[in-house]
Amino acid sequence: MVPNWASALDCLRDGLCVGMAPAHQVLPWIERGELVALQLSRPFPASPSCVAWAQNKLSPAMAWLLEYLGDTKTMNQEWLNGPSF
């Protein structure tokens, strides 16, 4: 468990772990041979993702998260359905 994607990617690149990461974040390292994309014998099925929150209790952290993820189309395109290997 790490506090953020930057730390997770550092651990992957330093060979400290095996992990899954959004393709758009690791593709440059895969292309340079710094990381290797492994094929799962039983790939995870594509699945929709939902983000739910209480609109009447929108905290600054939740507002930041929603801005960071983007709208539904952007979130699905950039975070869930990135390029295949």
N, C-alpha and C. Protein backbone atom coordinates (compact mmCIF):
# COMPACT_ATOMS: atom_id res chain seq x y z
N MET A 1 0.86 -1.16 0.00
CA MET A 1 0.00 0.00 0.00
C MET A 1 0.90 1.23 0.00
N VAL A 2 0.65 2.10 -0.92
CA VAL A 2 1.40 3.36 -1.02
C VAL A 2 0.42 4.52 -1.05
N PRO A 3 0.87 5.72 -0.73
CA PRO A 3 -0.06 6.85 -0.61
C PRO A 3 -0.54 7.46 -1.92
N ASN A 4 0.15 7.17 -3.04
CA ASN A 4 -0.26 7.81 -4.29
C ASN A 4 0.34 7.05 -5.48
N TRP A 5 -0.13 7.42 -6.69
CA TRP A 5 0.34 6.74 -7.90
C TRP A 5 1.82 6.96 -8.13
N ALA A 6 2.32 8.14 -7.82
CA ALA A 6 3.75 8.40 -8.04
C ALA A 6 4.60 7.42 -7.24
N SER A 7 4.23 7.18 -5.99
CA SER A 7 4.97 6.23 -5.16
C SER A 7 4.82 4.81 -5.69
N ALA A 8 3.62 4.47 -6.14
CA ALA A 8 3.39 3.12 -6.68
C ALA A 8 4.24 2.90 -7.92
N LEU A 9 4.29 3.89 -8.80
CA LEU A 9 5.08 3.76 -10.02
C LEU A 9 6.58 3.69 -9.70
N ASP A 10 7.02 4.44 -8.69
CA ASP A 10 8.42 4.35 -8.27
C ASP A 10 8.74 2.94 -7.80
N CYS A 11 7.84 2.34 -7.01
CA CYS A 11 8.05 0.97 -6.53
C CYS A 11 8.10 -0.02 -7.69
N LEU A 12 7.21 0.14 -8.66
CA LEU A 12 7.23 -0.74 -9.84
C LEU A 12 8.54 -0.61 -10.59
N ARG A 13 8.95 0.61 -10.86
CA ARG A 13 10.18 0.84 -11.63
C ARG A 13 11.42 0.39 -10.87
N ASP A 14 11.39 0.45 -9.54
CA ASP A 14 12.54 0.02 -8.75
C ASP A 14 12.56 -1.49 -8.52
N GLY A 15 11.56 -2.20 -9.05
CA GLY A 15 11.52 -3.65 -8.92
C GLY A 15 11.11 -4.14 -7.54
N LEU A 16 10.40 -3.32 -6.78
CA LEU A 16 10.01 -3.68 -5.43
C LEU A 16 8.69 -4.44 -5.38
N CYS A 17 7.98 -4.50 -6.50
CA CYS A 17 6.67 -5.13 -6.47
C CYS A 17 6.22 -5.48 -7.88
N VAL A 18 5.11 -6.17 -7.93
CA VAL A 18 4.37 -6.42 -9.16
C VAL A 18 3.04 -5.74 -8.94
N GLY A 19 2.52 -5.06 -9.94
CA GLY A 19 1.27 -4.36 -9.72
C GLY A 19 0.53 -4.06 -10.99
N MET A 20 -0.63 -3.50 -10.82
CA MET A 20 -1.46 -3.06 -11.93
C MET A 20 -1.55 -1.55 -11.86
N ALA A 21 -1.47 -0.91 -13.02
CA ALA A 21 -1.53 0.55 -13.08
C ALA A 21 -2.26 0.96 -14.35
N PRO A 22 -2.82 2.16 -14.36
CA PRO A 22 -3.46 2.65 -15.58
C PRO A 22 -2.46 2.67 -16.73
N ALA A 23 -2.87 2.14 -17.86
CA ALA A 23 -1.97 2.02 -19.01
C ALA A 23 -1.36 3.35 -19.41
N HIS A 24 -2.15 4.41 -19.37
CA HIS A 24 -1.61 5.69 -19.82
C HIS A 24 -0.48 6.20 -18.92
N GLN A 25 -0.42 5.71 -17.69
CA GLN A 25 0.65 6.14 -16.79
C GLN A 25 1.93 5.33 -16.98
N VAL A 26 1.83 4.09 -17.43
CA VAL A 26 3.02 3.24 -17.54
C VAL A 26 3.48 3.01 -18.97
N LEU A 27 2.67 3.36 -19.95
CA LEU A 27 3.03 3.10 -21.35
C LEU A 27 4.40 3.65 -21.75
N PRO A 28 4.78 4.87 -21.35
CA PRO A 28 6.11 5.35 -21.73
C PRO A 28 7.24 4.45 -21.20
N TRP A 29 7.09 3.92 -20.00
CA TRP A 29 8.13 3.04 -19.42
C TRP A 29 8.13 1.68 -20.09
N ILE A 30 6.95 1.22 -20.49
CA ILE A 30 6.88 -0.06 -21.21
C ILE A 30 7.56 0.09 -22.56
N GLU A 31 7.29 1.20 -23.24
CA GLU A 31 7.89 1.44 -24.56
C GLU A 31 9.41 1.56 -24.48
N ARG A 32 9.94 2.07 -23.36
CA ARG A 32 11.39 2.19 -23.18
C ARG A 32 12.02 0.92 -22.60
N GLY A 33 11.19 -0.08 -22.30
CA GLY A 33 11.71 -1.32 -21.74
C GLY A 33 12.01 -1.26 -20.26
N GLU A 34 11.55 -0.20 -19.58
CA GLU A 34 11.78 -0.07 -18.15
C GLU A 34 10.78 -0.89 -17.34
N LEU A 35 9.62 -1.14 -17.90
CA LEU A 35 8.60 -2.01 -17.30
C LEU A 35 8.16 -3.01 -18.36
N VAL A 36 7.60 -4.11 -17.90
CA VAL A 36 7.10 -5.15 -18.81
C VAL A 36 5.61 -5.34 -18.53
N ALA A 37 4.81 -5.34 -19.59
CA ALA A 37 3.38 -5.61 -19.46
C ALA A 37 3.19 -7.12 -19.54
N LEU A 38 2.64 -7.70 -18.51
CA LEU A 38 2.39 -9.14 -18.48
C LEU A 38 0.95 -9.42 -18.88
N GLN A 39 0.74 -10.50 -19.59
CA GLN A 39 -0.60 -10.91 -19.98
C GLN A 39 -1.14 -11.86 -18.91
N LEU A 40 -2.33 -11.60 -18.43
CA LEU A 40 -2.97 -12.47 -17.44
C LEU A 40 -3.54 -13.69 -18.14
N SER A 41 -3.41 -14.85 -17.50
CA SER A 41 -3.99 -16.05 -18.10
C SER A 41 -5.52 -15.97 -18.10
N ARG A 42 -6.08 -15.27 -17.13
CA ARG A 42 -7.51 -15.02 -17.08
C ARG A 42 -7.72 -13.52 -16.88
N PRO A 43 -7.77 -12.76 -17.97
CA PRO A 43 -7.90 -11.31 -17.84
C PRO A 43 -9.18 -10.91 -17.12
N PHE A 44 -9.11 -9.79 -16.45
CA PHE A 44 -10.30 -9.25 -15.80
C PHE A 44 -11.28 -8.79 -16.87
N PRO A 45 -12.57 -9.04 -16.69
CA PRO A 45 -13.54 -8.57 -17.68
C PRO A 45 -13.66 -7.05 -17.61
N ALA A 46 -14.00 -6.45 -18.73
CA ALA A 46 -14.26 -5.01 -18.73
C ALA A 46 -15.46 -4.75 -17.84
N SER A 47 -15.39 -3.71 -17.05
CA SER A 47 -16.51 -3.41 -16.17
C SER A 47 -16.66 -1.91 -16.03
N PRO A 48 -17.89 -1.46 -15.90
CA PRO A 48 -18.10 -0.04 -15.69
C PRO A 48 -17.65 0.36 -14.29
N SER A 49 -17.40 1.61 -14.11
CA SER A 49 -17.00 2.12 -12.81
C SER A 49 -17.98 3.21 -12.41
N CYS A 50 -18.31 3.23 -11.16
CA CYS A 50 -19.23 4.25 -10.66
C CYS A 50 -18.58 4.99 -9.51
N VAL A 51 -18.79 6.26 -9.47
CA VAL A 51 -18.36 7.08 -8.35
C VAL A 51 -19.63 7.67 -7.76
N ALA A 52 -19.84 7.45 -6.47
CA ALA A 52 -21.05 7.94 -5.82
C ALA A 52 -20.65 8.77 -4.59
N TRP A 53 -21.42 9.79 -4.32
CA TRP A 53 -21.15 10.63 -3.16
C TRP A 53 -22.43 11.34 -2.77
N ALA A 54 -22.45 11.84 -1.55
CA ALA A 54 -23.59 12.60 -1.06
C ALA A 54 -23.42 14.05 -1.53
N GLN A 55 -24.27 14.49 -2.45
CA GLN A 55 -24.11 15.83 -3.02
C GLN A 55 -24.28 16.93 -1.97
N ASN A 56 -25.06 16.66 -0.95
CA ASN A 56 -25.27 17.69 0.07
C ASN A 56 -24.12 17.73 1.08
N LYS A 57 -23.13 16.85 0.94
CA LYS A 57 -21.97 16.83 1.85
C LYS A 57 -20.67 16.79 1.04
N LEU A 58 -20.57 17.62 0.03
CA LEU A 58 -19.41 17.63 -0.85
C LEU A 58 -18.22 18.26 -0.13
N SER A 59 -17.29 17.43 0.29
CA SER A 59 -16.10 17.91 0.99
C SER A 59 -15.09 18.46 -0.01
N PRO A 60 -14.12 19.23 0.44
CA PRO A 60 -13.06 19.69 -0.46
C PRO A 60 -12.31 18.52 -1.11
N ALA A 61 -12.11 17.44 -0.36
CA ALA A 61 -11.41 16.27 -0.92
C ALA A 61 -12.23 15.63 -2.05
N MET A 62 -13.54 15.52 -1.86
CA MET A 62 -14.38 14.93 -2.90
C MET A 62 -14.45 15.85 -4.11
N ALA A 63 -14.53 17.14 -3.89
CA ALA A 63 -14.53 18.09 -5.01
C ALA A 63 -13.24 17.96 -5.81
N TRP A 64 -12.11 17.82 -5.11
CA TRP A 64 -10.83 17.63 -5.80
C TRP A 64 -10.84 16.34 -6.60
N LEU A 65 -11.31 15.24 -6.01
CA LEU A 65 -11.34 13.95 -6.69
C LEU A 65 -12.19 14.02 -7.96
N LEU A 66 -13.35 14.62 -7.87
CA LEU A 66 -14.22 14.72 -9.05
C LEU A 66 -13.58 15.54 -10.15
N GLU A 67 -12.92 16.62 -9.78
CA GLU A 67 -12.21 17.44 -10.77
C GLU A 67 -11.06 16.65 -11.38
N TYR A 68 -10.35 15.90 -10.55
CA TYR A 68 -9.19 15.11 -11.00
C TYR A 68 -9.61 14.02 -11.98
N LEU A 69 -10.71 13.34 -11.69
CA LEU A 69 -11.17 12.25 -12.56
C LEU A 69 -11.78 12.76 -13.85
N GLY A 70 -12.37 13.93 -13.82
CA GLY A 70 -13.00 14.47 -15.02
C GLY A 70 -14.44 14.01 -15.15
N ASP A 71 -15.05 14.31 -16.28
CA ASP A 71 -16.43 13.90 -16.51
C ASP A 71 -16.48 12.41 -16.83
N THR A 72 -17.68 11.87 -16.96
CA THR A 72 -17.86 10.43 -17.19
C THR A 72 -17.10 9.95 -18.41
N LYS A 73 -17.21 10.66 -19.52
CA LYS A 73 -16.54 10.25 -20.75
C LYS A 73 -15.02 10.24 -20.56
N THR A 74 -14.48 11.30 -19.98
CA THR A 74 -13.04 11.40 -19.76
C THR A 74 -12.57 10.30 -18.81
N MET A 75 -13.29 10.08 -17.73
CA MET A 75 -12.90 9.07 -16.75
C MET A 75 -12.85 7.70 -17.41
N ASN A 76 -13.87 7.36 -18.16
CA ASN A 76 -13.89 6.05 -18.81
C ASN A 76 -12.78 5.91 -19.85
N GLN A 77 -12.54 6.95 -20.62
CA GLN A 77 -11.53 6.89 -21.67
C GLN A 77 -10.12 6.86 -21.09
N GLU A 78 -9.82 7.73 -20.14
CA GLU A 78 -8.45 7.88 -19.65
C GLU A 78 -8.09 6.94 -18.51
N TRP A 79 -9.05 6.60 -17.68
CA TRP A 79 -8.74 5.80 -16.50
C TRP A 79 -9.13 4.34 -16.63
N LEU A 80 -10.14 4.04 -17.40
CA LEU A 80 -10.64 2.67 -17.44
C LEU A 80 -10.38 1.96 -18.76
N ASN A 81 -10.41 2.66 -19.86
CA ASN A 81 -10.31 2.03 -21.16
C ASN A 81 -9.10 2.52 -21.94
N GLY A 82 -7.96 2.56 -21.29
CA GLY A 82 -6.74 3.00 -21.94
C GLY A 82 -6.31 2.03 -23.02
N PRO A 83 -5.15 2.24 -23.61
CA PRO A 83 -4.68 1.38 -24.70
C PRO A 83 -4.44 -0.05 -24.24
N SER A 84 -4.64 -0.98 -25.13
CA SER A 84 -4.38 -2.40 -24.85
C SER A 84 -2.95 -2.72 -25.21
N PHE A 85 -2.44 -3.78 -24.65
CA PHE A 85 -1.08 -4.24 -24.95
C PHE A 85 -1.14 -5.56 -25.67
